[in-house]
Amino acid sequence: MLTLEGPDGALLTLTIYGVDSEPSLLAKSLLDTMTKQFSGAKATPLVGTVGGLAAEGYTMKFAYMGVPMTSTILAFRGGKTSLTLYTQAADEDLSAVQPGFDVVKNTLVVK
């Protein structure tokens, strides 16, 4: 697991799983964990790419200590390995940190 956290609280986590992990189940499991942690969280399905690889997951809206937040969960397979890419930021900071999230998402190479 690799976690990067900015000084403003923005968070990016890349988690690598074993060969037997199904990306859609990983995304759902992470979503279930987050919705238990943040009551009232609202999730919508998300389809995209990470490093050119097909990914699926969720966009989630919730509040942390009264601050509106947005997070994304993208799960995908790179070769025989399954991974999740999780991002989170306060809505007021999202436009400033999204370009950094996108650099990771668009340039990640999994071999």
Protein backbone atom coordinates (compact mmCIF):
# COMPACT_ATOMS: atom_id res chain seq x y z
CA MET A 1 0.00 0.00 0.00
CA LEU A 2 1.21 3.48 -0.88
CA THR A 3 -0.45 6.49 0.74
CA LEU A 4 0.25 10.13 -0.11
CA GLU A 5 -1.28 12.91 1.96
CA GLY A 6 -1.07 16.61 1.18
CA PRO A 7 -0.75 19.35 3.78
CA ASP A 8 -4.40 20.29 3.17
CA GLY A 9 -5.58 16.75 3.96
CA ALA A 10 -5.94 15.50 0.38
CA LEU A 11 -5.31 11.77 0.28
CA LEU A 12 -4.32 9.26 -2.41
CA THR A 13 -3.92 5.56 -1.64
CA LEU A 14 -2.81 2.85 -4.06
CA THR A 15 -3.32 -0.69 -2.75
CA ILE A 16 -2.01 -3.82 -4.47
CA TYR A 17 -3.84 -7.13 -3.95
CA GLY A 18 -3.14 -10.74 -4.87
CA VAL A 19 -3.93 -12.54 -8.07
CA ASP A 20 -7.22 -13.97 -6.79
CA SER A 21 -8.82 -10.59 -6.04
CA GLU A 22 -11.70 -9.44 -8.23
CA PRO A 23 -11.59 -5.65 -8.86
CA SER A 24 -15.36 -5.14 -8.63
CA LEU A 25 -15.44 -6.90 -5.25
CA LEU A 26 -12.50 -4.83 -4.01
CA ALA A 27 -14.28 -1.61 -4.98
CA LYS A 28 -17.49 -2.71 -3.25
CA SER A 29 -15.63 -3.76 -0.11
CA LEU A 30 -13.87 -0.39 0.12
CA LEU A 31 -17.18 1.39 -0.47
CA ASP A 32 -18.83 -0.64 2.30
CA THR A 33 -16.03 0.30 4.69
CA MET A 34 -16.33 3.99 3.83
CA THR A 35 -20.13 4.10 4.11
CA LYS A 36 -19.91 2.50 7.56
CA GLN A 37 -17.33 5.07 8.63
CA PHE A 38 -19.23 8.09 7.25
CA SER A 39 -22.95 7.88 7.84
CA GLY A 40 -24.99 9.62 5.19
CA ALA A 41 -22.38 9.02 2.49
CA LYS A 42 -23.81 8.96 -1.03
CA ALA A 43 -22.14 6.87 -3.72
CA THR A 44 -22.57 6.72 -7.47
CA PRO A 45 -21.00 4.15 -9.82
CA LEU A 46 -17.88 5.25 -11.65
CA VAL A 47 -16.21 3.77 -14.73
CA GLY A 48 -12.88 5.03 -15.97
CA THR A 49 -9.27 4.14 -16.61
CA VAL A 50 -6.11 4.07 -14.54
CA GLY A 51 -2.92 4.09 -16.55
CA GLY A 52 -4.95 3.11 -19.60
CA LEU A 53 -6.45 0.08 -17.85
CA ALA A 54 -10.23 -0.30 -17.50
CA ALA A 55 -11.36 0.52 -13.97
CA GLU A 56 -14.63 0.52 -12.07
CA GLY A 57 -15.70 1.87 -8.74
CA TYR A 58 -17.53 4.75 -7.12
CA THR A 59 -17.57 8.45 -6.49
CA MET A 60 -18.61 9.17 -2.92
CA LYS A 61 -19.82 12.37 -1.25
CA PHE A 62 -19.73 12.64 2.54
CA ALA A 63 -18.92 15.03 5.36
CA TYR A 64 -15.98 14.72 7.73
CA MET A 65 -16.15 16.94 10.80
CA GLY A 66 -18.73 19.03 8.95
CA VAL A 67 -16.51 19.50 5.87
CA PRO A 68 -18.01 18.31 2.55
CA MET A 69 -15.68 15.76 0.93
CA THR A 70 -15.45 13.89 -2.36
CA SER A 71 -13.66 10.59 -2.81
CA THR A 72 -13.21 8.17 -5.67
CA ILE A 73 -12.58 4.45 -5.64
CA LEU A 74 -11.25 2.86 -8.81
CA ALA A 75 -10.43 -0.86 -8.89
CA PHE A 76 -8.62 -2.46 -11.81
CA ARG A 77 -6.42 -5.32 -12.92
CA GLY A 78 -2.85 -4.91 -14.11
CA GLY A 79 -1.62 -8.23 -15.46
CA LYS A 80 -2.49 -10.78 -12.77
CA THR A 81 -2.58 -8.19 -9.99
CA SER A 82 -5.64 -6.28 -8.81
CA LEU A 83 -5.31 -2.76 -7.44
CA THR A 84 -7.42 0.03 -5.99
CA LEU A 85 -6.76 3.73 -6.36
CA TYR A 86 -8.52 5.82 -3.71
CA THR A 87 -8.56 9.62 -3.69
CA GLN A 88 -10.16 11.98 -1.19
CA ALA A 89 -10.25 15.74 -0.73
CA ALA A 90 -12.40 18.47 0.75
CA ASP A 91 -14.74 19.84 -1.89
CA GLU A 92 -13.27 23.32 -1.41
CA ASP A 93 -9.78 21.97 -2.27
CA LEU A 94 -10.76 19.49 -4.97
CA SER A 95 -10.11 21.77 -7.96
CA ALA A 96 -6.58 22.45 -6.68
CA VAL A 97 -5.64 18.80 -5.99
CA GLN A 98 -7.50 17.07 -8.84
CA PRO A 99 -4.69 17.75 -11.36
CA GLY A 100 -2.27 15.87 -9.08
CA PHE A 101 -4.71 12.99 -8.69
CA ASP A 102 -5.06 12.90 -12.48
CA VAL A 103 -1.29 12.74 -13.03
CA VAL A 104 -1.10 9.59 -10.91
CA LYS A 105 -4.23 8.11 -12.45
CA ASN A 106 -3.15 8.76 -16.04
CA THR A 107 0.56 7.88 -15.79
CA LEU A 108 0.55 4.86 -13.49
CA VAL A 109 2.18 1.85 -15.14
CA VAL A 110 1.44 -1.65 -13.83
CA LYS A 111 3.52 -4.54 -15.16
